[in-house]
Amino acid sequence: MNCKEAIILLGPYITGDLESKSYENFALEAHLRTCKACAVEYVEFKETIKFINDNKAEFTEAFKNVENKEAAANMRKIRIIRFVVKISVAACLFIGISL
């Protein structure tokens, strides 16, 4: 197994989605024992996943806040577009009546 293949399998390995008796599982474990760089990536990735899981409520709330802000921004854009359309229609009617 090369480093690229190992890195791809780290997520499923850490979350338990990689079958424990599969070839990939055994090959990844062997690679992690022999490759210092991938072993460091494994530890950092595992710590990151643990941090996210430990703070899941805070992350969920933060994403809700972002979604709410995006929704509000989209509504402002829609209001501006509607206003521009109304002004454009009024200008066209005024020009048409004037001619």
N, C-alpha and C. Protein backbone atom coordinates (compact mmCIF):
# COMPACT_ATOMS: atom_id res chain seq x y z
N MET A 1 0.85 -1.18 0.00
CA MET A 1 0.00 0.00 0.00
C MET A 1 0.89 1.23 0.00
N ASN A 2 0.53 2.21 -0.83
CA ASN A 2 1.28 3.47 -0.86
C ASN A 2 0.59 4.50 0.03
N CYS A 3 1.25 5.64 0.21
CA CYS A 3 0.73 6.67 1.10
C CYS A 3 -0.61 7.23 0.63
N LYS A 4 -0.76 7.41 -0.68
CA LYS A 4 -2.01 7.96 -1.20
C LYS A 4 -3.18 7.03 -0.87
N GLU A 5 -3.00 5.74 -1.04
CA GLU A 5 -4.06 4.78 -0.72
C GLU A 5 -4.34 4.78 0.78
N ALA A 6 -3.29 4.89 1.58
CA ALA A 6 -3.45 4.89 3.04
C ALA A 6 -4.26 6.10 3.50
N ILE A 7 -3.93 7.28 2.97
CA ILE A 7 -4.62 8.50 3.37
C ILE A 7 -6.11 8.41 3.04
N ILE A 8 -6.42 7.83 1.88
CA ILE A 8 -7.83 7.68 1.48
C ILE A 8 -8.59 6.79 2.46
N LEU A 9 -7.92 5.79 3.01
CA LEU A 9 -8.58 4.84 3.91
C LEU A 9 -8.62 5.29 5.37
N LEU A 10 -7.91 6.36 5.71
CA LEU A 10 -7.85 6.78 7.12
C LEU A 10 -9.23 7.11 7.69
N GLY A 11 -10.02 7.86 6.95
CA GLY A 11 -11.36 8.23 7.44
C GLY A 11 -12.21 7.03 7.78
N PRO A 12 -12.42 6.14 6.80
CA PRO A 12 -13.23 4.95 7.09
C PRO A 12 -12.62 4.08 8.20
N TYR A 13 -11.29 4.03 8.27
CA TYR A 13 -10.63 3.23 9.31
C TYR A 13 -10.93 3.81 10.69
N ILE A 14 -10.79 5.12 10.83
CA ILE A 14 -10.99 5.77 12.13
C ILE A 14 -12.45 5.70 12.56
N THR A 15 -13.38 5.88 11.63
CA THR A 15 -14.80 5.89 11.99
C THR A 15 -15.38 4.49 12.11
N GLY A 16 -14.59 3.47 11.79
CA GLY A 16 -15.06 2.10 11.92
C GLY A 16 -15.84 1.61 10.70
N ASP A 17 -15.79 2.36 9.62
CA ASP A 17 -16.50 1.96 8.41
C ASP A 17 -15.69 1.02 7.53
N LEU A 18 -14.45 0.77 7.88
CA LEU A 18 -13.62 -0.17 7.15
C LEU A 18 -13.70 -1.52 7.85
N GLU A 19 -14.08 -2.55 7.13
CA GLU A 19 -14.25 -3.87 7.75
C GLU A 19 -12.95 -4.30 8.43
N SER A 20 -13.06 -4.75 9.67
CA SER A 20 -11.88 -5.05 10.48
C SER A 20 -11.06 -6.22 9.94
N LYS A 21 -11.68 -7.12 9.24
CA LYS A 21 -10.94 -8.28 8.72
C LYS A 21 -10.65 -8.17 7.23
N SER A 22 -10.83 -6.98 6.67
CA SER A 22 -10.61 -6.81 5.23
C SER A 22 -9.12 -6.65 4.91
N TYR A 23 -8.81 -6.89 3.65
CA TYR A 23 -7.44 -6.71 3.18
C TYR A 23 -6.99 -5.27 3.40
N GLU A 24 -7.88 -4.32 3.08
CA GLU A 24 -7.52 -2.90 3.22
C GLU A 24 -7.17 -2.56 4.67
N ASN A 25 -7.92 -3.12 5.61
CA ASN A 25 -7.67 -2.86 7.03
C ASN A 25 -6.27 -3.35 7.42
N PHE A 26 -5.96 -4.60 7.04
CA PHE A 26 -4.65 -5.16 7.39
C PHE A 26 -3.52 -4.41 6.68
N ALA A 27 -3.73 -4.07 5.42
CA ALA A 27 -2.70 -3.35 4.67
C ALA A 27 -2.47 -1.96 5.25
N LEU A 28 -3.55 -1.29 5.64
CA LEU A 28 -3.42 0.04 6.23
C LEU A 28 -2.68 -0.03 7.56
N GLU A 29 -3.03 -0.98 8.40
CA GLU A 29 -2.35 -1.11 9.69
C GLU A 29 -0.86 -1.39 9.49
N ALA A 30 -0.52 -2.25 8.52
CA ALA A 30 0.88 -2.53 8.23
C ALA A 30 1.58 -1.27 7.73
N HIS A 31 0.93 -0.53 6.88
CA HIS A 31 1.52 0.70 6.34
C HIS A 31 1.75 1.71 7.47
N LEU A 32 0.78 1.84 8.37
CA LEU A 32 0.92 2.80 9.47
C LEU A 32 2.08 2.43 10.41
N ARG A 33 2.36 1.14 10.52
CA ARG A 33 3.49 0.71 11.36
C ARG A 33 4.83 1.05 10.72
N THR A 34 4.87 1.16 9.41
CA THR A 34 6.14 1.36 8.72
C THR A 34 6.34 2.77 8.17
N CYS A 35 5.28 3.55 8.07
CA CYS A 35 5.39 4.88 7.46
C CYS A 35 5.12 5.95 8.52
N LYS A 36 6.16 6.65 8.91
CA LYS A 36 6.06 7.69 9.94
C LYS A 36 5.12 8.82 9.51
N ALA A 37 5.20 9.25 8.26
CA ALA A 37 4.37 10.36 7.78
C ALA A 37 2.89 10.01 7.86
N CYS A 38 2.52 8.82 7.44
CA CYS A 38 1.11 8.42 7.48
C CYS A 38 0.66 8.18 8.92
N ALA A 39 1.57 7.71 9.77
CA ALA A 39 1.23 7.51 11.18
C ALA A 39 0.90 8.86 11.83
N VAL A 40 1.65 9.90 11.48
CA VAL A 40 1.39 11.25 12.00
C VAL A 40 0.03 11.73 11.47
N GLU A 41 -0.23 11.54 10.17
CA GLU A 41 -1.52 11.93 9.59
C GLU A 41 -2.66 11.22 10.30
N TYR A 42 -2.46 9.94 10.60
CA TYR A 42 -3.48 9.15 11.30
C TYR A 42 -3.81 9.77 12.66
N VAL A 43 -2.78 10.09 13.43
CA VAL A 43 -2.99 10.68 14.77
C VAL A 43 -3.70 12.02 14.65
N GLU A 44 -3.25 12.87 13.73
CA GLU A 44 -3.87 14.19 13.57
C GLU A 44 -5.32 14.08 13.10
N PHE A 45 -5.56 13.17 12.15
CA PHE A 45 -6.91 12.98 11.64
C PHE A 45 -7.83 12.45 12.73
N LYS A 46 -7.32 11.51 13.52
CA LYS A 46 -8.10 10.93 14.62
C LYS A 46 -8.44 12.00 15.65
N GLU A 47 -7.48 12.87 15.97
CA GLU A 47 -7.72 13.95 16.93
C GLU A 47 -8.74 14.95 16.37
N THR A 48 -8.67 15.22 15.08
CA THR A 48 -9.62 16.14 14.45
C THR A 48 -11.04 15.59 14.52
N ILE A 49 -11.20 14.33 14.17
CA ILE A 49 -12.52 13.69 14.21
C ILE A 49 -13.05 13.67 15.65
N LYS A 50 -12.18 13.39 16.62
CA LYS A 50 -12.60 13.39 18.03
C LYS A 50 -13.05 14.79 18.44
N PHE A 51 -12.29 15.81 18.03
CA PHE A 51 -12.65 17.19 18.36
C PHE A 51 -14.02 17.55 17.79
N ILE A 52 -14.25 17.19 16.54
CA ILE A 52 -15.53 17.48 15.90
C ILE A 52 -16.66 16.76 16.62
N ASN A 53 -16.46 15.49 16.93
CA ASN A 53 -17.50 14.72 17.63
C ASN A 53 -17.76 15.28 19.03
N ASP A 54 -16.70 15.69 19.72
CA ASP A 54 -16.86 16.24 21.07
C ASP A 54 -17.58 17.59 21.07
N ASN A 55 -17.51 18.30 19.95
CA ASN A 55 -18.10 19.64 19.86
C ASN A 55 -19.20 19.71 18.81
N LYS A 56 -19.87 18.59 18.60
CA LYS A 56 -20.88 18.49 17.55
C LYS A 56 -22.00 19.52 17.71
N ALA A 57 -22.44 19.75 18.94
CA ALA A 57 -23.53 20.71 19.17
C ALA A 57 -23.11 22.12 18.76
N GLU A 58 -21.88 22.50 19.11
CA GLU A 58 -21.40 23.83 18.75
C GLU A 58 -21.27 23.98 17.24
N PHE A 59 -20.78 22.94 16.57
CA PHE A 59 -20.66 22.99 15.11
C PHE A 59 -22.04 23.07 14.46
N THR A 60 -22.99 22.32 14.97
CA THR A 60 -24.34 22.34 14.42
C THR A 60 -24.94 23.73 14.54
N GLU A 61 -24.77 24.35 15.70
CA GLU A 61 -25.29 25.69 15.93
C GLU A 61 -24.62 26.70 15.01
N ALA A 62 -23.32 26.57 14.85
CA ALA A 62 -22.58 27.49 13.98
C ALA A 62 -23.06 27.38 12.53
N PHE A 63 -23.28 26.16 12.07
CA PHE A 63 -23.76 25.98 10.70
C PHE A 63 -25.18 26.51 10.53
N LYS A 64 -26.01 26.38 11.56
CA LYS A 64 -27.35 26.95 11.49
C LYS A 64 -27.28 28.47 11.35
N ASN A 65 -26.38 29.08 12.12
CA ASN A 65 -26.21 30.53 12.05
C ASN A 65 -25.76 30.97 10.67
N VAL A 66 -24.85 30.21 10.08
CA VAL A 66 -24.38 30.54 8.72
C VAL A 66 -25.53 30.41 7.73
N GLU A 67 -26.31 29.33 7.85
CA GLU A 67 -27.44 29.13 6.94
C GLU A 67 -28.46 30.27 7.09
N ASN A 68 -28.72 30.69 8.33
CA ASN A 68 -29.67 31.78 8.56
C ASN A 68 -29.16 33.09 7.94
N LYS A 69 -27.88 33.35 8.08
CA LYS A 69 -27.30 34.57 7.50
C LYS A 69 -27.36 34.52 5.98
N GLU A 70 -27.09 33.33 5.41
CA GLU A 70 -27.17 33.19 3.96
C GLU A 70 -28.60 33.37 3.47
N ALA A 71 -29.55 32.84 4.20
CA ALA A 71 -30.96 32.99 3.82
C ALA A 71 -31.36 34.47 3.87
N ALA A 72 -30.94 35.18 4.91
CA ALA A 72 -31.25 36.61 5.02
C ALA A 72 -30.61 37.39 3.88
N ALA A 73 -29.38 37.06 3.55
CA ALA A 73 -28.69 37.74 2.43
C ALA A 73 -29.41 37.47 1.12
N ASN A 74 -29.87 36.24 0.93
CA ASN A 74 -30.60 35.90 -0.29
C ASN A 74 -31.92 36.67 -0.37
N MET A 75 -32.60 36.82 0.75
CA MET A 75 -33.86 37.58 0.75
C MET A 75 -33.60 39.04 0.39
N ARG A 76 -32.51 39.61 0.92
CA ARG A 76 -32.16 40.99 0.57
C ARG A 76 -31.91 41.12 -0.94
N LYS A 77 -31.20 40.14 -1.49
CA LYS A 77 -30.93 40.16 -2.94
C LYS A 77 -32.24 40.09 -3.73
N ILE A 78 -33.15 39.23 -3.29
CA ILE A 78 -34.43 39.09 -3.98
C ILE A 78 -35.21 40.40 -3.92
N ARG A 79 -35.22 41.04 -2.75
CA ARG A 79 -35.92 42.33 -2.62
C ARG A 79 -35.32 43.38 -3.55
N ILE A 80 -34.01 43.41 -3.63
CA ILE A 80 -33.34 44.38 -4.52
C ILE A 80 -33.69 44.10 -5.97
N ILE A 81 -33.68 42.84 -6.36
CA ILE A 81 -34.02 42.47 -7.74
C ILE A 81 -35.46 42.86 -8.04
N ARG A 82 -36.36 42.58 -7.12
CA ARG A 82 -37.77 42.95 -7.33
C ARG A 82 -37.91 44.46 -7.49
N PHE A 83 -37.20 45.21 -6.65
CA PHE A 83 -37.25 46.66 -6.73
C PHE A 83 -36.74 47.14 -8.09
N VAL A 84 -35.63 46.60 -8.55
CA VAL A 84 -35.06 46.99 -9.85
C VAL A 84 -36.03 46.65 -10.97
N VAL A 85 -36.67 45.49 -10.90
CA VAL A 85 -37.64 45.10 -11.92
C VAL A 85 -38.81 46.08 -11.93
N LYS A 86 -39.32 46.43 -10.76
CA LYS A 86 -40.45 47.38 -10.68
C LYS A 86 -40.05 48.73 -11.26
N ILE A 87 -38.87 49.21 -10.94
CA ILE A 87 -38.39 50.49 -11.47
C ILE A 87 -38.25 50.40 -12.99
N SER A 88 -37.73 49.29 -13.47
CA SER A 88 -37.56 49.11 -14.92
C SER A 88 -38.89 49.10 -15.64
N VAL A 89 -39.86 48.37 -15.09
CA VAL A 89 -41.20 48.32 -15.69
C VAL A 89 -41.82 49.71 -15.69
N ALA A 90 -41.71 50.42 -14.57
CA ALA A 90 -42.26 51.78 -14.49
C ALA A 90 -41.59 52.69 -15.51
N ALA A 91 -40.28 52.58 -15.67
CA ALA A 91 -39.57 53.41 -16.64
C ALA A 91 -40.02 53.08 -18.06
N CYS A 92 -40.19 51.79 -18.36
CA CYS A 92 -40.65 51.39 -19.70
C CYS A 92 -42.06 51.93 -19.96
N LEU A 93 -42.93 51.83 -18.97
CA LEU A 93 -44.30 52.35 -19.14
C LEU A 93 -44.27 53.86 -19.34
N PHE A 94 -43.46 54.55 -18.57
CA PHE A 94 -43.36 55.99 -18.70
C PHE A 94 -42.86 56.38 -20.09
N ILE A 95 -41.83 55.68 -20.56
CA ILE A 95 -41.28 55.97 -21.90
C ILE A 95 -42.32 55.66 -22.96
N GLY A 96 -43.03 54.54 -22.79
CA GLY A 96 -44.06 54.17 -23.77
C GLY A 96 -45.19 55.16 -23.83
N ILE A 97 -45.60 55.65 -22.68
CA ILE A 97 -46.69 56.63 -22.64
C ILE A 97 -46.22 57.96 -23.23
N SER A 98 -44.97 58.32 -22.97
CA SER A 98 -44.43 59.59 -23.45
C SER A 98 -44.30 59.63 -24.97
N LEU A 99 -44.09 58.50 -25.57
CA LEU A 99 -43.89 58.49 -27.02
C LEU A 99 -45.23 58.56 -27.69
